[in-house]
PDB file of N, CA and C in Angstrom:
ATOM      1  N   MET A   1      -5.705 -43.450  14.301  1.00  0.00           N
ATOM      2  CA  MET A   1      -5.600 -42.622  13.295  1.00  0.00           C
ATOM      3  C   MET A   1      -3.949 -43.703  14.044  1.00  0.00           C
ATOM      4  N   THR A   2      -3.515 -43.038  13.533  1.00  0.00           N
ATOM      5  CA  THR A   2      -1.570 -43.835  13.985  1.00  0.00           C
ATOM      6  C   THR A   2      -1.085 -42.935  13.745  1.00  0.00           C
ATOM      7  N   ASP A   3       0.443 -43.091  14.746  1.00  0.00           N
ATOM      8  CA  ASP A   3       1.451 -41.845  14.436  1.00  0.00           C
ATOM      9  C   ASP A   3       2.058 -41.818  13.988  1.00  0.00           C
ATOM     10  N   THR A   4       2.100 -42.161  13.146  1.00  0.00           N
ATOM     11  CA  THR A   4       2.765 -42.224  12.003  1.00  0.00           C
ATOM     12  C   THR A   4       2.409 -41.245  10.841  1.00  0.00           C
ATOM     13  N   SER A   5       1.016 -41.092  10.364  1.00  0.00           N
ATOM     14  CA  SER A   5      -0.115 -40.959   9.598  1.00  0.00           C
ATOM     15  C   SER A   5      -0.148 -40.069  10.199  1.00  0.00           C
ATOM     16  N   LEU A   6      -0.332 -39.435  11.801  1.00  0.00           N
ATOM     17  CA  LEU A   6      -0.308 -38.018  12.598  1.00  0.00           C
ATOM     18  C   LEU A   6       1.034 -37.462  11.904  1.00  0.00           C
ATOM     19  N   THR A   7       2.095 -38.105  11.955  1.00  0.00           N
ATOM     20  CA  THR A   7       2.919 -37.184  12.100  1.00  0.00           C
ATOM     21  C   THR A   7       3.455 -36.945  10.828  1.00  0.00           C
ATOM     22  N   ASN A   8       2.782 -37.825   9.535  1.00  0.00           N
ATOM     23  CA  ASN A   8       3.343 -37.447   8.387  1.00  0.00           C
ATOM     24  C   ASN A   8       2.432 -36.216   7.978  1.00  0.00           C
ATOM     25  N   ARG A   9       0.523 -35.794   8.514  1.00  0.00           N
ATOM     26  CA  ARG A   9       0.262 -35.073   8.320  1.00  0.00           C
ATOM     27  C   ARG A   9      -0.051 -33.332   9.466  1.00  0.00           C
ATOM     28  N   ILE A  10       0.605 -34.084   9.866  1.00  0.00           N
ATOM     29  CA  ILE A  10       1.549 -32.325  10.579  1.00  0.00           C
ATOM     30  C   ILE A  10       2.566 -32.141   9.832  1.00  0.00           C
ATOM     31  N   ASP A  11       3.760 -32.864   8.930  1.00  0.00           N
ATOM     32  CA  ASP A  11       4.509 -32.588   8.684  1.00  0.00           C
ATOM     33  C   ASP A  11       4.344 -31.899   7.297  1.00  0.00           C
ATOM     34  N   ALA A  12       3.124 -32.552   6.639  1.00  0.00           N
ATOM     35  CA  ALA A  12       2.440 -31.994   5.522  1.00  0.00           C
ATOM     36  C   ALA A  12       2.565 -30.381   5.007  1.00  0.00           C
ATOM     37  N   LEU A  13       1.657 -30.836   6.492  1.00  0.00           N
ATOM     38  CA  LEU A  13       0.597 -28.977   6.606  1.00  0.00           C
ATOM     39  C   LEU A  13       2.309 -27.823   7.067  1.00  0.00           C
ATOM     40  N   GLU A  14       3.605 -28.412   8.102  1.00  0.00           N
ATOM     41  CA  GLU A  14       3.991 -27.812   7.926  1.00  0.00           C
ATOM     42  C   GLU A  14       5.390 -27.197   6.601  1.00  0.00           C
ATOM     43  N   VAL A  15       5.371 -28.092   6.106  1.00  0.00           N
ATOM     44  CA  VAL A  15       5.358 -27.795   4.295  1.00  0.00           C
ATOM     45  C   VAL A  15       4.310 -26.896   3.702  1.00  0.00           C
ATOM     46  N   ARG A  16       3.302 -27.254   3.570  1.00  0.00           N
ATOM     47  CA  ARG A  16       2.718 -26.028   3.566  1.00  0.00           C
ATOM     48  C   ARG A  16       2.486 -24.240   3.673  1.00  0.00           C
ATOM     49  N   ILE A  17       2.623 -25.087   4.798  1.00  0.00           N
ATOM     50  CA  ILE A  17       2.777 -23.091   5.779  1.00  0.00           C
ATOM     51  C   ILE A  17       4.342 -22.691   4.988  1.00  0.00           C
ATOM     52  N   ALA A  18       5.227 -23.459   4.956  1.00  0.00           N
ATOM     53  CA  ALA A  18       6.253 -22.630   4.829  1.00  0.00           C
ATOM     54  C   ALA A  18       6.491 -22.360   3.236  1.00  0.00           C
ATOM     55  N   TYR A  19       5.571 -22.961   2.385  1.00  0.00           N
ATOM     56  CA  TYR A  19       5.338 -22.146   0.593  1.00  0.00           C
ATOM     57  C   TYR A  19       4.901 -20.736   0.669  1.00  0.00           C
ATOM     58  N   GLN A  20       3.573 -20.735   1.753  1.00  0.00           N
ATOM     59  CA  GLN A  20       2.667 -20.301   1.989  1.00  0.00           C
ATOM     60  C   GLN A  20       3.230 -19.331   2.941  1.00  0.00           C
ATOM     61  N   ASP A  21       3.892 -19.340   3.575  1.00  0.00           N
ATOM     62  CA  ASP A  21       4.604 -18.206   3.853  1.00  0.00           C
ATOM     63  C   ASP A  21       6.081 -17.352   2.557  1.00  0.00           C
ATOM     64  N   GLU A  22       6.577 -18.005   1.896  1.00  0.00           N
ATOM     65  CA  GLU A  22       7.217 -17.999   1.119  1.00  0.00           C
ATOM     66  C   GLU A  22       6.824 -16.859   0.162  1.00  0.00           C
ATOM     67  N   THR A  23       4.945 -18.308  -0.078  1.00  0.00           N
ATOM     68  CA  THR A  23       4.387 -16.681  -0.983  1.00  0.00           C
ATOM     69  C   THR A  23       3.836 -15.364  -0.980  1.00  0.00           C
ATOM     70  N   ILE A  24       4.050 -15.281   0.203  1.00  0.00           N
ATOM     71  CA  ILE A  24       3.178 -14.227   0.772  1.00  0.00           C
ATOM     72  C   ILE A  24       4.337 -13.009   0.921  1.00  0.00           C
ATOM     73  N   GLU A  25       5.438 -14.144   0.952  1.00  0.00           N
ATOM     74  CA  GLU A  25       6.597 -12.683   1.423  1.00  0.00           C
ATOM     75  C   GLU A  25       7.009 -11.728   0.299  1.00  0.00           C
ATOM     76  N   ASP A  26       7.490 -12.967  -1.296  1.00  0.00           N
ATOM     77  CA  ASP A  26       6.489 -12.715  -2.765  1.00  0.00           C
ATOM     78  C   ASP A  26       5.898 -11.513  -3.382  1.00  0.00           C
ATOM     79  N   LEU A  27       4.667 -11.789  -2.700  1.00  0.00           N
ATOM     80  CA  LEU A  27       3.752 -10.992  -2.999  1.00  0.00           C
ATOM     81  C   LEU A  27       3.657  -9.856  -2.126  1.00  0.00           C
ATOM     82  N   ASN A  28       4.416 -10.050  -1.235  1.00  0.00           N
ATOM     83  CA  ASN A  28       4.454  -8.595  -0.560  1.00  0.00           C
ATOM     84  C   ASN A  28       5.607  -8.142  -1.177  1.00  0.00           C
ATOM     85  N   ARG A  29       6.715  -7.568  -1.099  1.00  0.00           N
ATOM     86  CA  ARG A  29       8.127  -7.397  -1.832  1.00  0.00           C
ATOM     87  C   ARG A  29       7.547  -7.311  -3.442  1.00  0.00           C
ATOM     88  N   THR A  30       6.383  -7.943  -3.973  1.00  0.00           N
ATOM     89  CA  THR A  30       6.054  -7.264  -5.009  1.00  0.00           C
ATOM     90  C   THR A  30       5.194  -6.454  -4.693  1.00  0.00           C
ATOM     91  N   ILE A  31       4.908  -5.922  -4.529  1.00  0.00           N
ATOM     92  CA  ILE A  31       3.303  -5.225  -3.612  1.00  0.00           C
ATOM     93  C   ILE A  31       4.361  -3.478  -3.368  1.00  0.00           C
ATOM     94  N   THR A  32       5.403  -3.744  -2.525  1.00  0.00           N
ATOM     95  CA  THR A  32       5.739  -2.179  -1.801  1.00  0.00           C
ATOM     96  C   THR A  32       6.701  -2.305  -2.949  1.00  0.00           C
ATOM     97  N   ALA A  33       7.521  -2.802  -4.023  1.00  0.00           N
ATOM     98  CA  ALA A  33       7.637  -2.573  -5.804  1.00  0.00           C
ATOM     99  C   ALA A  33       7.274  -1.556  -6.595  1.00  0.00           C
ATOM    100  N   GLN A  34       6.059  -2.090  -6.833  1.00  0.00           N
ATOM    101  CA  GLN A  34       4.780  -1.291  -6.970  1.00  0.00           C
ATOM    102  C   GLN A  34       3.967   0.052  -6.901  1.00  0.00           C
ATOM    103  N   TRP A  35       4.043   0.294  -5.740  1.00  0.00           N
ATOM    104  CA  TRP A  35       3.921   0.926  -4.600  1.00  0.00           C
ATOM    105  C   TRP A  35       4.762   2.060  -5.220  1.00  0.00           C
ATOM    106  N   LYS A  36       5.844   1.513  -4.970  1.00  0.00           N
ATOM    107  CA  LYS A  36       7.142   2.579  -5.431  1.00  0.00           C
ATOM    108  C   LYS A  36       6.778   2.926  -6.591  1.00  0.00           C
ATOM    109  N   GLU A  37       6.687   2.418  -7.894  1.00  0.00           N
ATOM    110  CA  GLU A  37       6.808   2.842  -8.611  1.00  0.00           C
ATOM    111  C   GLU A  37       5.315   3.997  -9.064  1.00  0.00           C
ATOM    112  N   ILE A  38       4.089   3.669  -8.935  1.00  0.00           N
ATOM    113  CA  ILE A  38       3.633   3.868  -8.746  1.00  0.00           C
ATOM    114  C   ILE A  38       3.999   5.337  -8.420  1.00  0.00           C
ATOM    115  N   ASP A  39       4.441   5.889  -7.482  1.00  0.00           N
ATOM    116  CA  ASP A  39       4.242   6.913  -6.381  1.00  0.00           C
ATOM    117  C   ASP A  39       4.905   7.698  -7.320  1.00  0.00           C
ATOM    118  N   ARG A  40       6.276   6.794  -7.823  1.00  0.00           N
ATOM    119  CA  ARG A  40       7.820   7.923  -8.479  1.00  0.00           C
ATOM    120  C   ARG A  40       6.769   8.315 -10.026  1.00  0.00           C
ATOM    121  N   LEU A  41       5.932   7.483 -10.411  1.00  0.00           N
ATOM    122  CA  LEU A  41       5.650   7.574 -11.856  1.00  0.00           C
ATOM    123  C   LEU A  41       4.226   8.708 -11.897  1.00  0.00           C
ATOM    124  N   THR A  42       3.714   8.878 -10.363  1.00  0.00           N
ATOM    125  CA  THR A  42       2.472  10.034 -10.193  1.00  0.00           C
ATOM    126  C   THR A  42       3.349  11.013  -9.695  1.00  0.00           C
ATOM    127  N   ARG A  43       4.536  11.479  -8.758  1.00  0.00           N
ATOM    128  CA  ARG A  43       5.291  12.488  -8.890  1.00  0.00           C
ATOM    129  C   ARG A  43       5.884  12.428 -11.000  1.00  0.00           C
ATOM    130  N   GLU A  44       6.272  11.555 -11.814  1.00  0.00           N
ATOM    131  CA  GLU A  44       7.277  12.685 -12.486  1.00  0.00           C
ATOM    132  C   GLU A  44       5.714  12.695 -13.385  1.00  0.00           C
ATOM    133  N   ILE A  45       4.462  12.782 -13.280  1.00  0.00           N
ATOM    134  CA  ILE A  45       3.489  12.934 -14.037  1.00  0.00           C
ATOM    135  C   ILE A  45       2.997  14.385 -13.910  1.00  0.00           C
ATOM    136  N   ALA A  46       3.376  15.214 -12.421  1.00  0.00           N
ATOM    137  CA  ALA A  46       2.882  16.157 -11.555  1.00  0.00           C
ATOM    138  C   ALA A  46       4.014  16.858 -11.749  1.00  0.00           C
ATOM    139  N   ASN A  47       5.370  16.882 -12.298  1.00  0.00           N
ATOM    140  CA  ASN A  47       6.192  17.595 -12.732  1.00  0.00           C
ATOM    141  C   ASN A  47       6.036  17.829 -14.360  1.00  0.00           C
ATOM    142  N   LEU A  48       5.897  16.948 -14.715  1.00  0.00           N
ATOM    143  CA  LEU A  48       5.429  17.027 -16.047  1.00  0.00           C
ATOM    144  C   LEU A  48       4.357  18.072 -17.023  1.00  0.00           C
ATOM    145  N   GLY A  49       2.771  17.749 -15.934  1.00  0.00           N
ATOM    146  CA  GLY A  49       1.878  18.655 -16.067  1.00  0.00           C
ATOM    147  C   GLY A  49       2.614  20.539 -15.507  1.00  0.00           C
ATOM    148  N   ASP A  50       3.224  20.701 -14.527  1.00  0.00           N
ATOM    149  CA  ASP A  50       3.869  21.887 -14.595  1.00  0.00           C
ATOM    150  C   ASP A  50       4.374  22.447 -15.595  1.00  0.00           C
ATOM    151  N   SER A  51       5.885  21.662 -15.627  1.00  0.00           N
ATOM    152  CA  SER A  51       6.244  22.141 -17.103  1.00  0.00           C
ATOM    153  C   SER A  51       6.101  22.338 -17.973  1.00  0.00           C
ATOM    154  N   ILE A  52       4.655  21.395 -18.479  1.00  0.00           N
ATOM    155  CA  ILE A  52       3.706  22.041 -19.817  1.00  0.00           C
ATOM    156  C   ILE A  52       3.209  23.729 -19.280  1.00  0.00           C
ATOM    157  N   ARG A  53       2.759  23.387 -17.672  1.00  0.00           N
ATOM    158  CA  ARG A  53       1.395  24.777 -17.712  1.00  0.00           C
ATOM    159  C   ARG A  53       2.932  25.724 -17.664  1.00  0.00           C
ATOM    160  N   GLU A  54       4.101  25.447 -17.262  1.00  0.00           N
ATOM    161  CA  GLU A  54       5.226  26.763 -17.450  1.00  0.00           C
ATOM    162  C   GLU A  54       5.372  26.871 -19.243  1.00  0.00           C
ATOM    163  N   ALA A  55       5.253  26.138 -19.271  1.00  0.00           N
ATOM    164  CA  ALA A  55       5.697  26.581 -20.316  1.00  0.00           C
ATOM    165  C   ALA A  55       4.568  27.443 -22.321  1.00  0.00           C
ATOM    166  N   GLU A  56       3.449  26.959 -21.916  1.00  0.00           N
ATOM    167  CA  GLU A  56       2.247  27.127 -22.628  1.00  0.00           C
ATOM    168  C   GLU A  56       2.419  29.341 -22.107  1.00  0.00           C
ATOM    169  N   GLN A  57       2.311  29.139 -20.419  1.00  0.00           N
ATOM    170  CA  GLN A  57       2.348  30.574 -19.832  1.00  0.00           C
ATOM    171  C   GLN A  57       3.769  31.737 -20.814  1.00  0.00           C
ATOM    172  N   ARG A  58       4.838  30.929 -20.840  1.00  0.00           N
ATOM    173  CA  ARG A  58       5.818  31.330 -21.480  1.00  0.00           C
ATOM    174  C   ARG A  58       5.829  31.439 -22.913  1.00  0.00           C
ATOM    175  N   ALA A  59       5.166  30.757 -23.354  1.00  0.00           N
ATOM    176  CA  ALA A  59       3.802  30.898 -25.056  1.00  0.00           C
ATOM    177  C   ALA A  59       3.552  31.888 -24.848  1.00  0.00           C
ATOM    178  N   GLY A  60       2.208  31.649 -24.407  1.00  0.00           N
ATOM    179  CA  GLY A  60       1.619  33.119 -24.381  1.00  0.00           C
ATOM    180  C   GLY A  60       1.989  34.318 -24.380  1.00  0.00           C
ATOM    181  N   ALA A  61       2.712  34.340 -23.196  1.00  0.00           N
ATOM    182  CA  ALA A  61       3.125  35.310 -22.794  1.00  0.00           C
ATOM    183  C   ALA A  61       3.998  36.244 -23.772  1.00  0.00           C
ATOM    184  N   SER A  62       5.012  35.688 -24.725  1.00  0.00           N
ATOM    185  CA  SER A  62       6.468  36.517 -24.922  1.00  0.00           C
ATOM    186  C   SER A  62       5.949  36.296 -26.317  1.00  0.00           C
ATOM    187  N   ALA A  63       5.297  35.627 -26.994  1.00  0.00           N
ATOM    188  CA  ALA A  63       4.291  35.739 -28.173  1.00  0.00           C
ATOM    189  C   ALA A  63       3.780  37.252 -28.431  1.00  0.00           C
ATOM    190  N   PRO A  64       4.740  37.521 -29.598  1.00  0.00           N
ATOM    191  CA  PRO A  64       3.587  38.688 -30.369  1.00  0.00           C
ATOM    192  C   PRO A  64       2.407  38.413 -30.928  1.00  0.00           C
ATOM    193  N   PRO A  65       1.682  39.860 -31.488  1.00  0.00           N
ATOM    194  CA  PRO A  65       0.282  38.722 -32.093  1.00  0.00           C
ATOM    195  C   PRO A  65       0.635  38.973 -33.204  1.00  0.00           C
ATOM    196  N   GLU A  66      -0.332  38.184 -34.365  1.00  0.00           N
ATOM    197  CA  GLU A  66       0.518  37.584 -35.355  1.00  0.00           C
ATOM    198  C   GLU A  66      -0.558  38.458 -36.078  1.00  0.00           C
ATOM    199  N   PRO A  67       0.186  38.901 -37.489  1.00  0.00           N
ATOM    200  CA  PRO A  67      -0.619  39.896 -38.396  1.00  0.00           C
ATOM    201  C   PRO A  67      -1.177  38.934 -39.354  1.00  0.00           C
ATOM    202  N   PRO A  68      -2.620  40.002 -39.932  1.00  0.00           N
ATOM    203  CA  PRO A  68      -3.231  39.345 -40.147  1.00  0.00           C
ATOM    204  C   PRO A  68      -1.686  38.331 -41.657  1.00  0.00           C
ATOM    205  N   PRO A  69      -3.210  36.754 -42.340  1.00  0.00           N
ATOM    206  CA  PRO A  69      -2.795  36.884 -43.533  1.00  0.00           C
ATOM    207  C   PRO A  69      -2.728  37.323 -44.883  1.00  0.00           C
ATOM    208  N   PRO A  70      -1.755  37.832 -45.644  1.00  0.00           N
ATOM    209  CA  PRO A  70      -1.150  38.837 -46.394  1.00  0.00           C
ATOM    210  C   PRO A  70      -3.299  39.108 -47.578  1.00  0.00           C
ATOM    211  N   HIS A  71      -3.368  38.098 -47.427  1.00  0.00           N
ATOM    212  CA  HIS A  71      -4.901  38.456 -47.887  1.00  0.00           C
ATOM    213  C   HIS A  71      -6.101  38.660 -47.666  1.00  0.00           C
ATOM    214  N   TYR A  72      -5.712  39.359 -46.627  1.00  0.00           N
ATOM    215  CA  TYR A  72      -6.612  40.498 -46.644  1.00  0.00           C
ATOM    216  C   TYR A  72      -6.584  41.458 -46.453  1.00  0.00           C
TER     217      TYR A  72
END
């Protein structure tokens, strides 16, 4: 193997590694953003569940019993 051939192979490997490093960083940023969004959505769903339970409790506690329909 000649020095030029070896140098070309090393250069090609270095370029390939540089692109792989960039891709790994892009993927890491994407995953981090997705986890933040998942955490935010999880908290929002929990808050909505709490709001629904509170609304159901208020509606059940404050609603007087309905009179029977007129045809009884």
